[in-house]
Amino acid sequence: MTSSSSLFSVPRLVVAAPSSGSGKTTVATGLMAAFASRGLAVSPHKVGPDYIDPGYHALATGRVGRNLDAYLCGPELVGPLFAHGARGCDLAVVEGVMGMFDGAAGEGELASTAHVAKLLRAPVVLVVDASSQSRSVAALVHGFASWDPEVRVGGVILNKVASDRHEALLREALDSAGVPVLGVLRRAPQVDTPSRHLGLVPVAERQSAAVEAVAAMAAQVVAGCDLEGLFALARSAGALSCAAWDAGEALVSSPPPPLPVPSLGAAPPDPHRPERPRPQTPDGLRIAVAGGAAFTFSYAEHAELLTAAGAEVVVFDPLRDEQLPDGTRGLVIGGGFPEVYAAELSANEPLRKAVGALAHSGAPVAAECAGLLYLCRELDGRPMCGVLDASARMSERLTLGYRDAVALSDSVLAVAGTRMRGHEFHRTVVEPGSGTAPAWGVRAPERRVEGFVQQGVHASYLHTHWAAEPGVARRFVERCRTS
């Protein structure tokens, strides 16, 4: 999936914390913006499947925020995907996920911040919420710094410090912990970002306010952190023995889909599966990708793979555009918050009809989570595209977690039997939860089938990362070309 291995080195830091809510996003985004304001090319990254934080990272750096997920993509791709994003940069800042050692449930360290830090050979800066402690901070930092000798905690940033006296007590306690204090941040309400049912409100929904919040984060970091010390720590990162991921090479080198898995009742493989073509230059084959405030969840590598496979990717906004882009041959509708914009999406009847017409023509349509809701007959009682004979509604229950899945039906994305790992994150319910040809068989936390495959439509709650299985993009483009 990458060119021959080579040494890759860029100064880098991983921003971790003992638990969620400690201030990782504030510190990581503030560091990105602070270093970028000094003229450095800063590469932003996020551990895990989260789509929202990378939007703030992109705002801080002017570069695409990229995810590093050892569960979705496998540990072997973390280094190459990091090198792909950080190529040509002066510094990379990686924001962690949850607590530093929290990973995929039941999988040990897999996909944790500590795991990714080790894969990247990167020093860690530990962000500690010091608001309710003084001397105890030393025990906490010592524990995190010594728990795994392969993880190098190179410094600590104290967050939510109440006063000069509080700071003095914390510094005195940490003198014996062996981890230098590289920053002290006071409580600052202006850096807070609003949240709702699935976390922070995305940048696309509060652009001007998000710009102000990022500027405040940068100012707080500049005032309270030792930027020279942090950059020196970043420069101490070891070289990586890997080549940068490349979408074109990934398409060529990806293996053919596996055989079906009898235990999950998969259908026979497609005997007419096309040979693996080499990437082609764009030939006018246009694939429309939903964007705007309602559909903000996407991984940058998806569009890169579609482009490398020979497609022209065009973004449109279902809240504003009344027609699909001219010449659309395929449609990708990713995740987001259609439930927040149900009235506006429903009111855009011309686009709903255009999406329905494209789907009913047999053209390839790939929909994830928010896209699934948009294709339903209705969402919270409001008419949607009506492609699927299903109804969607908001729910009090949060569905969250990694999933191990297998394709149960041949579709525009995969042949039956293709294994993929995914992630679910929603507070909605679709009834029924699957069609006569389900998209996936999910193994955990309970065995079930979910999603819809009909004509050229593949619609599911499951978010997947196509870098893990580039054949998904290749197959989708080929179906667009031949449909």
Protein backbone atom coordinates (compact mmCIF):
# COMPACT_ATOMS: atom_id res chain seq x y z
CA MET A 1 0.00 0.00 0.00
CA THR A 2 3.03 2.23 0.21
CA SER A 3 6.25 2.56 -1.69
CA SER A 4 9.35 0.80 -0.39
CA SER A 5 10.13 1.45 3.26
CA SER A 6 12.36 4.37 4.17
CA LEU A 7 13.20 6.47 7.19
CA PHE A 8 10.70 9.26 7.77
CA SER A 9 11.27 11.89 10.40
CA VAL A 10 9.27 14.96 11.33
CA PRO A 11 9.17 16.58 14.80
CA ARG A 12 6.00 15.39 16.53
CA LEU A 13 4.09 15.39 19.78
CA VAL A 14 1.20 13.32 21.07
CA VAL A 15 -1.16 15.22 23.38
CA ALA A 16 -2.67 12.79 25.90
CA ALA A 17 -4.58 13.00 29.19
CA PRO A 18 -5.55 10.81 32.14
CA SER A 19 -9.22 10.99 31.12
CA SER A 20 -11.69 12.63 28.77
CA GLY A 21 -12.53 16.22 29.64
CA SER A 22 -9.01 17.12 30.77
CA GLY A 23 -8.44 19.64 27.98
CA LYS A 24 -6.74 17.68 25.18
CA THR A 25 -8.62 19.46 22.41
CA THR A 26 -7.89 22.90 23.86
CA VAL A 27 -4.18 22.18 24.24
CA ALA A 28 -3.71 20.30 20.96
CA THR A 29 -5.64 22.83 18.88
CA GLY A 30 -3.97 25.73 20.69
CA LEU A 31 -0.52 24.26 20.03
CA MET A 32 -1.33 23.73 16.37
CA ALA A 33 -2.53 27.29 15.95
CA ALA A 34 0.32 28.77 17.99
CA PHE A 35 3.03 27.03 15.97
CA ALA A 36 1.24 27.73 12.68
CA SER A 37 1.13 31.44 13.56
CA ARG A 38 4.94 31.30 13.82
CA GLY A 39 5.15 30.26 10.20
CA LEU A 40 5.54 26.52 10.71
CA ALA A 41 3.73 24.01 8.53
CA VAL A 42 1.85 22.00 11.16
CA SER A 43 0.30 18.62 10.38
CA PRO A 44 -2.82 17.93 12.52
CA HIS A 45 -3.85 14.42 13.55
CA LYS A 46 -6.43 12.79 15.82
CA VAL A 47 -6.25 9.36 17.43
CA GLY A 48 -9.41 7.33 16.91
CA PRO A 49 -12.49 7.65 14.70
CA ASP A 50 -13.64 11.13 15.79
CA TYR A 51 -14.64 13.43 12.91
CA ILE A 52 -15.29 16.65 14.84
CA ASP A 53 -11.94 17.52 16.45
CA PRO A 54 -10.11 17.34 13.08
CA GLY A 55 -12.33 20.18 11.88
CA TYR A 56 -10.95 22.42 14.61
CA HIS A 57 -7.44 21.18 13.84
CA ALA A 58 -7.88 22.13 10.18
CA LEU A 59 -9.04 25.58 11.21
CA ALA A 60 -5.92 25.96 13.37
CA THR A 61 -3.42 24.82 10.75
CA GLY A 62 -4.92 25.38 7.31
CA ARG A 63 -4.31 21.70 6.56
CA VAL A 64 -6.64 18.69 6.45
CA GLY A 65 -7.13 17.09 9.86
CA ARG A 66 -6.42 13.35 9.61
CA ASN A 67 -7.33 10.42 11.82
CA LEU A 68 -4.98 7.71 13.05
CA ASP A 69 -7.05 4.70 14.07
CA ALA A 70 -5.23 1.45 14.78
CA TYR A 71 -8.54 -0.44 15.04
CA LEU A 72 -10.20 0.73 11.83
CA CYS A 73 -7.04 0.68 9.72
CA GLY A 74 -4.76 -1.70 11.59
CA PRO A 75 -1.54 -0.81 13.44
CA GLU A 76 0.50 -1.33 10.29
CA LEU A 77 -1.14 1.67 8.58
CA VAL A 78 -0.73 4.19 11.41
CA GLY A 79 2.83 5.11 10.45
CA PRO A 80 2.20 5.33 6.68
CA LEU A 81 -1.00 7.38 7.10
CA PHE A 82 0.79 9.69 9.51
CA ALA A 83 3.68 10.12 7.07
CA HIS A 84 1.18 10.83 4.27
CA GLY A 85 -0.41 13.66 6.23
CA ALA A 86 2.82 15.05 7.67
CA ARG A 87 4.86 14.98 4.47
CA GLY A 88 6.62 18.33 3.98
CA CYS A 89 5.64 19.67 7.41
CA ASP A 90 7.82 21.20 10.11
CA LEU A 91 5.85 19.74 13.02
CA ALA A 92 3.03 17.29 13.68
CA VAL A 93 0.66 17.44 16.64
CA VAL A 94 -1.42 14.36 17.41
CA GLU A 95 -4.42 14.75 19.72
CA GLY A 96 -5.16 11.61 21.71
CA VAL A 97 -8.47 9.98 22.55
CA MET A 98 -10.11 9.41 25.97
CA GLY A 99 -7.61 8.51 28.70
CA MET A 100 -4.09 7.73 27.50
CA PHE A 101 -4.37 3.96 27.94
CA ASP A 102 -8.04 3.61 26.93
CA GLY A 103 -8.43 1.71 23.66
CA ALA A 104 -10.88 -0.57 21.91
CA ALA A 105 -12.99 -2.45 24.48
CA GLY A 106 -11.59 -5.88 25.24
CA GLU A 107 -8.59 -5.36 22.96
CA GLY A 108 -5.92 -4.28 25.44
CA GLU A 109 -3.96 -1.25 24.28
CA LEU A 110 -5.22 -1.46 20.67
CA ALA A 111 -6.18 1.97 19.27
CA SER A 112 -5.33 3.80 22.51
CA THR A 113 -3.35 7.01 22.56
CA ALA A 114 -0.45 5.13 24.16
CA HIS A 115 -0.54 2.53 21.38
CA VAL A 116 -0.42 5.17 18.65
CA ALA A 117 2.36 7.07 20.45
CA LYS A 118 4.44 3.89 20.45
CA LEU A 119 3.70 3.21 16.79
CA LEU A 120 4.83 6.76 15.96
CA ARG A 121 7.83 6.69 18.31
CA ALA A 122 6.53 10.04 19.54
CA PRO A 123 6.95 11.73 22.94
CA VAL A 124 3.79 12.39 24.92
CA VAL A 125 2.66 15.61 26.57
CA LEU A 126 0.24 14.80 29.39
CA VAL A 127 -2.56 17.31 29.93
CA VAL A 128 -3.79 17.20 33.53
CA ASP A 129 -6.95 18.83 34.85
CA ALA A 130 -5.51 20.22 38.07
CA SER A 131 -8.67 22.01 39.18
CA SER A 132 -9.34 19.74 42.18
CA GLN A 133 -5.88 18.69 43.33
CA SER A 134 -2.50 19.93 44.47
CA ARG A 135 0.14 17.49 45.78
CA SER A 136 -1.75 14.48 44.43
CA VAL A 137 -0.86 15.60 40.93
CA ALA A 138 2.63 14.16 41.43
CA ALA A 139 1.28 10.66 42.09
CA LEU A 140 -1.01 10.86 39.07
CA VAL A 141 1.75 12.02 36.70
CA HIS A 142 4.25 9.52 38.09
CA GLY A 143 1.75 6.72 37.56
CA PHE A 144 1.07 7.62 33.94
CA ALA A 145 4.76 8.19 33.19
CA SER A 146 5.84 4.82 34.63
CA TRP A 147 2.91 2.56 33.70
CA ASP A 148 4.32 1.55 30.29
CA PRO A 149 8.09 2.02 29.86
CA GLU A 150 7.65 2.09 26.06
CA VAL A 151 5.59 5.28 26.31
CA ARG A 152 7.75 8.35 26.88
CA VAL A 153 5.92 11.08 28.79
CA GLY A 154 8.19 14.02 28.07
CA GLY A 155 6.27 16.78 29.78
CA VAL A 156 3.06 17.82 31.50
CA ILE A 157 0.72 20.74 30.88
CA LEU A 158 -1.41 21.70 33.87
CA ASN A 159 -4.89 22.83 32.90
CA LYS A 160 -7.56 24.77 34.81
CA VAL A 161 -5.10 26.08 37.40
CA ALA A 162 -6.91 28.45 39.77
CA SER A 163 -4.22 30.91 40.93
CA ASP A 164 -0.53 31.63 41.32
CA ARG A 165 -0.62 29.91 44.72
CA HIS A 166 -2.25 26.84 43.19
CA GLU A 167 0.40 26.78 40.46
CA ALA A 168 3.21 26.98 43.02
CA LEU A 169 1.80 24.02 44.95
CA LEU A 170 1.49 21.96 41.77
CA ARG A 171 5.02 22.76 40.60
CA GLU A 172 6.47 21.96 44.01
CA ALA A 173 4.76 18.58 44.01
CA LEU A 174 5.92 17.77 40.49
CA ASP A 175 9.57 18.59 41.22
CA SER A 176 10.00 15.01 42.43
CA ALA A 177 8.01 13.32 39.65
CA GLY A 178 10.75 13.58 37.04
CA VAL A 179 8.47 15.05 34.36
CA PRO A 180 8.99 18.70 33.45
CA VAL A 181 6.09 21.17 33.52
CA LEU A 182 5.87 22.58 29.99
CA GLY A 183 2.75 24.66 30.45
CA VAL A 184 0.24 26.04 32.93
CA LEU A 185 -3.19 27.14 31.73
CA ARG A 186 -5.70 29.10 33.77
CA ARG A 187 -9.43 28.59 33.53
CA ALA A 188 -10.62 30.36 30.37
CA PRO A 189 -14.32 30.15 29.41
CA GLN A 190 -13.65 31.81 26.04
CA VAL A 191 -11.88 28.68 24.77
CA ASP A 192 -14.85 26.43 25.54
CA THR A 193 -16.66 24.97 22.55
CA PRO A 194 -20.37 24.08 22.74
CA SER A 195 -21.43 20.45 22.85
CA ARG A 196 -24.62 18.52 22.18
CA HIS A 197 -25.74 14.90 21.92
CA LEU A 198 -22.67 13.58 20.03
CA GLY A 199 -19.93 15.87 21.34
CA LEU A 200 -18.60 19.21 20.13
CA VAL A 201 -20.56 21.21 17.59
CA PRO A 202 -18.69 20.90 14.25
CA VAL A 203 -16.78 23.85 12.81
CA ALA A 204 -19.04 23.97 9.75
CA GLU A 205 -22.01 24.87 11.97
CA ARG A 206 -20.34 27.75 13.83
CA GLN A 207 -17.59 29.01 11.55
CA SER A 208 -17.06 32.53 12.94
CA ALA A 209 -17.42 31.42 16.56
CA ALA A 210 -15.06 28.50 15.94
CA VAL A 211 -12.45 30.87 14.51
CA GLU A 212 -12.67 32.98 17.66
CA ALA A 213 -12.44 29.89 19.89
CA VAL A 214 -9.34 28.60 18.09
CA ALA A 215 -7.72 32.03 18.34
CA ALA A 216 -8.45 32.04 22.08
CA MET A 217 -6.93 28.56 22.44
CA ALA A 218 -3.78 29.73 20.64
CA ALA A 219 -3.50 32.84 22.81
CA GLN A 220 -3.90 30.78 25.98
CA VAL A 221 -1.22 28.31 24.88
CA VAL A 222 1.20 31.05 23.86
CA ALA A 223 0.74 32.77 27.23
CA GLY A 224 0.99 29.64 29.34
CA CYS A 225 3.21 27.12 27.54
CA ASP A 226 6.93 26.78 26.86
CA LEU A 227 6.74 26.58 23.08
CA GLU A 228 10.50 26.28 22.70
CA GLY A 229 10.59 23.41 25.17
CA LEU A 230 7.67 21.70 23.45
CA PHE A 231 9.29 22.01 20.03
CA ALA A 232 12.54 20.64 21.42
CA LEU A 233 10.61 17.67 22.80
CA ALA A 234 8.96 17.16 19.40
CA ARG A 235 12.37 17.12 17.73
CA SER A 236 13.45 14.25 19.98
CA ALA A 237 11.04 11.84 18.27
CA GLY A 238 12.72 8.88 16.63
CA ALA A 239 12.66 8.27 12.89
CA LEU A 240 9.94 6.01 11.48
CA SER A 241 10.90 3.17 9.20
CA CYS A 242 8.02 3.43 6.77
CA ALA A 243 6.96 5.07 3.55
CA ALA A 244 4.07 7.48 3.25
CA TRP A 245 0.72 5.99 2.29
CA ASP A 246 -0.25 6.72 -1.31
CA ALA A 247 -3.80 6.33 -2.62
CA GLY A 248 -2.73 5.22 -6.09
CA GLU A 249 -0.31 2.61 -4.81
CA ALA A 250 -2.88 1.42 -2.29
CA LEU A 251 -5.37 0.75 -5.09
CA VAL A 252 -2.87 -1.28 -7.06
CA SER A 253 -1.51 -3.32 -4.17
CA SER A 254 -4.72 -4.02 -2.25
CA PRO A 255 -5.62 -7.73 -2.27
CA PRO A 256 -8.84 -9.02 -3.81
CA PRO A 257 -11.79 -9.39 -1.40
CA PRO A 258 -11.80 -12.58 0.70
CA LEU A 259 -14.09 -15.56 0.31
CA PRO A 260 -17.41 -15.62 2.16
CA VAL A 261 -17.61 -16.55 5.83
CA PRO A 262 -20.06 -19.48 6.05
CA SER A 263 -20.77 -18.96 9.76
CA LEU A 264 -22.38 -15.61 9.03
CA GLY A 265 -24.43 -16.90 6.12
CA ALA A 266 -22.69 -14.81 3.47
CA ALA A 267 -23.84 -15.12 -0.12
CA PRO A 268 -21.49 -16.57 -2.75
CA PRO A 269 -18.83 -14.21 -4.09
CA ASP A 270 -19.46 -12.25 -7.26
CA PRO A 271 -18.01 -14.36 -10.11
CA HIS A 272 -17.84 -11.26 -12.30
CA ARG A 273 -15.71 -9.23 -9.91
CA PRO A 274 -13.54 -6.97 -12.11
CA GLU A 275 -9.79 -7.30 -12.24
CA ARG A 276 -7.87 -4.77 -10.18
CA PRO A 277 -7.20 -1.85 -12.54
CA ARG A 278 -4.37 0.58 -12.15
CA PRO A 279 -5.46 4.10 -11.18
CA GLN A 280 -6.72 6.13 -14.12
CA THR A 281 -6.70 9.81 -14.77
CA PRO A 282 -10.07 11.54 -14.40
CA ASP A 283 -12.21 10.87 -17.48
CA GLY A 284 -15.24 12.94 -16.64
CA LEU A 285 -16.63 10.35 -14.24
CA ARG A 286 -18.13 12.55 -11.55
CA ILE A 287 -18.94 11.38 -8.04
CA ALA A 288 -20.89 13.78 -5.81
CA VAL A 289 -20.03 13.85 -2.10
CA ALA A 290 -22.44 15.42 0.40
CA GLY A 291 -20.98 18.21 2.52
CA GLY A 292 -22.12 21.36 4.29
CA ALA A 293 -23.24 21.70 7.88
CA ALA A 294 -25.47 18.60 7.87
CA PHE A 295 -22.84 16.17 6.51
CA THR A 296 -19.48 16.99 8.07
CA PHE A 297 -18.16 13.48 8.79
CA SER A 298 -15.66 12.16 6.28
CA TYR A 299 -12.11 10.88 6.11
CA ALA A 300 -9.87 12.73 3.64
CA GLU A 301 -8.47 9.45 2.34
CA HIS A 302 -11.88 8.48 0.90
CA ALA A 303 -11.89 11.32 -1.62
CA GLU A 304 -8.20 10.69 -2.35
CA LEU A 305 -8.91 7.04 -3.14
CA LEU A 306 -11.88 7.90 -5.36
CA THR A 307 -9.74 10.41 -7.24
CA ALA A 308 -6.88 7.93 -7.61
CA ALA A 309 -9.37 5.39 -9.00
CA GLY A 310 -10.26 7.79 -11.79
CA ALA A 311 -13.19 9.83 -10.46
CA GLU A 312 -13.75 13.55 -10.24
CA VAL A 313 -14.99 14.25 -6.71
CA VAL A 314 -17.42 17.18 -6.39
CA VAL A 315 -18.79 18.33 -3.03
CA PHE A 316 -22.36 19.63 -2.77
CA ASP A 317 -24.46 20.91 0.13
CA PRO A 318 -27.87 19.26 0.62
CA LEU A 319 -28.98 22.25 2.69
CA ARG A 320 -28.42 24.71 -0.17
CA ASP A 321 -28.10 22.97 -3.53
CA GLU A 322 -31.35 22.02 -5.21
CA GLN A 323 -29.75 19.69 -7.74
CA LEU A 324 -26.91 17.23 -7.78
CA PRO A 325 -23.77 18.37 -9.62
CA ASP A 326 -24.12 18.06 -13.39
CA GLY A 327 -23.04 14.69 -14.70
CA THR A 328 -23.19 12.89 -11.33
CA ARG A 329 -22.64 9.16 -11.85
CA GLY A 330 -22.36 8.15 -8.20
CA LEU A 331 -23.17 9.56 -4.79
CA VAL A 332 -21.45 9.35 -1.40
CA ILE A 333 -23.33 10.61 1.67
CA GLY A 334 -21.29 10.37 4.84
CA GLY A 335 -22.03 11.09 8.46
CA GLY A 336 -23.12 14.23 10.23
CA PHE A 337 -26.19 15.68 11.90
CA PRO A 338 -29.22 15.46 9.60
CA GLU A 339 -31.43 15.21 12.70
CA VAL A 340 -30.42 18.79 13.59
CA TYR A 341 -31.30 19.97 10.08
CA ALA A 342 -34.25 17.70 9.37
CA ALA A 343 -36.59 20.63 8.60
CA GLU A 344 -34.16 22.23 6.14
CA LEU A 345 -33.28 18.95 4.44
CA SER A 346 -36.94 18.08 4.11
CA ALA A 347 -37.77 21.52 2.72
CA ASN A 348 -35.23 21.03 -0.11
CA GLU A 349 -37.66 18.88 -2.07
CA PRO A 350 -35.95 19.30 -5.47
CA LEU A 351 -32.73 17.75 -4.17
CA ARG A 352 -34.58 14.98 -2.34
CA LYS A 353 -36.25 14.06 -5.61
CA ALA A 354 -32.95 14.23 -7.50
CA VAL A 355 -31.29 11.89 -5.01
CA GLY A 356 -34.24 9.52 -5.21
CA ALA A 357 -34.16 9.53 -9.01
CA LEU A 358 -30.43 8.81 -9.09
CA ALA A 359 -30.79 5.93 -6.65
CA HIS A 360 -33.79 4.43 -8.45
CA SER A 361 -31.84 4.57 -11.74
CA GLY A 362 -29.41 2.04 -10.29
CA ALA A 363 -26.50 4.47 -9.94
CA PRO A 364 -24.10 3.66 -7.08
CA VAL A 365 -24.95 5.34 -3.79
CA ALA A 366 -22.90 4.82 -0.62
CA ALA A 367 -24.46 6.16 2.58
CA GLU A 368 -23.10 6.04 6.14
CA CYS A 369 -25.09 6.88 9.27
CA ALA A 370 -26.37 10.39 8.46
CA GLY A 371 -26.55 9.32 4.83
CA LEU A 372 -28.66 6.33 5.87
CA LEU A 373 -31.11 8.65 7.66
CA TYR A 374 -31.29 10.97 4.64
CA LEU A 375 -32.20 8.07 2.34
CA CYS A 376 -35.06 6.93 4.61
CA ARG A 377 -38.71 7.62 3.97
CA GLU A 378 -38.82 10.05 6.90
CA LEU A 379 -36.73 11.41 9.76
CA ASP A 380 -38.59 12.47 12.90
CA GLY A 381 -41.78 12.64 10.87
CA ARG A 382 -40.31 14.84 8.12
CA PRO A 383 -40.09 13.53 4.55
CA MET A 384 -36.61 12.55 3.37
CA CYS A 385 -35.47 11.04 0.06
CA GLY A 386 -37.64 7.91 0.24
CA VAL A 387 -35.01 5.65 -1.28
CA LEU A 388 -35.32 3.17 1.61
CA ASP A 389 -38.63 1.88 2.93
CA ALA A 390 -37.62 2.73 6.49
CA SER A 391 -38.32 5.40 9.07
CA ALA A 392 -35.72 7.14 11.25
CA ARG A 393 -36.11 8.96 14.53
CA MET A 394 -34.05 10.42 17.36
CA SER A 395 -33.50 8.24 20.41
CA GLU A 396 -32.36 8.74 24.01
CA ARG A 397 -29.98 5.80 23.67
CA LEU A 398 -26.42 6.40 22.53
CA THR A 399 -25.03 3.70 20.25
CA LEU A 400 -21.25 3.90 20.37
CA GLY A 401 -18.31 1.62 19.71
CA TYR A 402 -16.09 -0.24 17.32
CA ARG A 403 -17.60 -3.02 15.24
CA ASP A 404 -16.20 -6.10 13.52
CA ALA A 405 -18.34 -6.70 10.44
CA VAL A 406 -18.63 -8.81 7.32
CA ALA A 407 -20.47 -7.90 4.12
CA LEU A 408 -23.54 -10.12 3.77
CA SER A 409 -24.62 -9.01 0.30
CA ASP A 410 -22.80 -8.15 -2.89
CA SER A 411 -22.93 -4.38 -3.28
CA VAL A 412 -21.29 -1.44 -5.00
CA LEU A 413 -18.76 -1.37 -2.15
CA ALA A 414 -17.82 -5.00 -1.58
CA VAL A 415 -18.53 -8.61 -2.43
CA ALA A 416 -20.20 -10.73 0.20
CA GLY A 417 -17.66 -12.05 2.67
CA THR A 418 -15.50 -8.93 2.76
CA ARG A 419 -14.45 -8.26 6.35
CA MET A 420 -14.19 -4.69 7.55
CA ARG A 421 -13.92 -2.94 10.86
CA GLY A 422 -16.15 0.02 11.54
CA HIS A 423 -17.47 2.40 14.14
CA GLU A 424 -20.98 3.39 15.23
CA PHE A 425 -21.83 6.70 16.89
CA HIS A 426 -25.43 7.88 16.89
CA ARG A 427 -28.58 8.60 18.90
CA THR A 428 -31.07 7.58 16.24
CA VAL A 429 -33.03 4.46 15.36
CA VAL A 430 -33.97 3.21 11.89
CA GLU A 431 -36.96 0.86 11.60
CA PRO A 432 -36.57 -1.68 10.18
CA GLY A 433 -32.85 -1.84 10.88
CA SER A 434 -32.07 -3.84 7.75
CA GLY A 435 -33.52 -4.71 4.38
CA THR A 436 -34.09 -8.03 2.65
CA ALA A 437 -30.43 -7.84 1.59
CA PRO A 438 -28.57 -6.59 4.69
CA ALA A 439 -25.35 -4.63 4.30
CA TRP A 440 -23.40 -6.09 7.23
CA GLY A 441 -23.31 -8.86 9.74
CA VAL A 442 -21.97 -7.39 12.97
CA ARG A 443 -20.21 -9.63 15.49
CA ALA A 444 -20.06 -7.44 18.59
CA PRO A 445 -21.32 -6.38 21.06
CA GLU A 446 -24.13 -8.65 19.84
CA ARG A 447 -24.54 -10.64 16.64
CA ARG A 448 -26.95 -8.89 14.34
CA VAL A 449 -27.52 -7.79 10.76
CA GLU A 450 -27.92 -4.17 9.74
CA GLY A 451 -28.09 -1.85 6.77
CA PHE A 452 -29.56 -2.01 3.28
CA VAL A 453 -28.34 -3.16 -0.12
CA GLN A 454 -30.75 -2.56 -2.99
CA GLN A 455 -29.98 -1.83 -6.64
CA GLY A 456 -26.88 0.39 -6.44
CA VAL A 457 -27.49 1.56 -2.86
CA HIS A 458 -25.36 0.57 0.13
CA ALA A 459 -26.69 2.26 3.28
CA SER A 460 -25.60 1.51 6.83
CA TYR A 461 -24.91 2.98 10.25
CA LEU A 462 -21.35 1.69 10.08
CA HIS A 463 -18.56 4.23 9.53
CA THR A 464 -15.59 2.58 7.80
CA HIS A 465 -12.15 3.79 6.79
CA TRP A 466 -11.48 2.91 3.17
CA ALA A 467 -7.70 3.06 3.57
CA ALA A 468 -8.08 -0.30 5.35
CA GLU A 469 -9.73 -1.80 2.25
CA PRO A 470 -8.94 0.35 -0.82
CA GLY A 471 -10.85 -2.10 -3.00
CA VAL A 472 -14.03 -0.45 -1.69
CA ALA A 473 -13.21 2.78 -3.54
CA ARG A 474 -11.98 0.91 -6.61
CA ARG A 475 -15.16 -1.15 -6.83
CA PHE A 476 -17.39 1.89 -6.29
CA VAL A 477 -15.73 3.83 -9.11
CA GLU A 478 -15.93 0.84 -11.46
CA ARG A 479 -19.64 0.49 -10.73
CA CYS A 480 -20.09 4.21 -11.43
CA ARG A 481 -18.27 3.75 -14.71
CA THR A 482 -20.39 0.82 -15.84
CA SER A 483 -23.82 1.70 -14.44
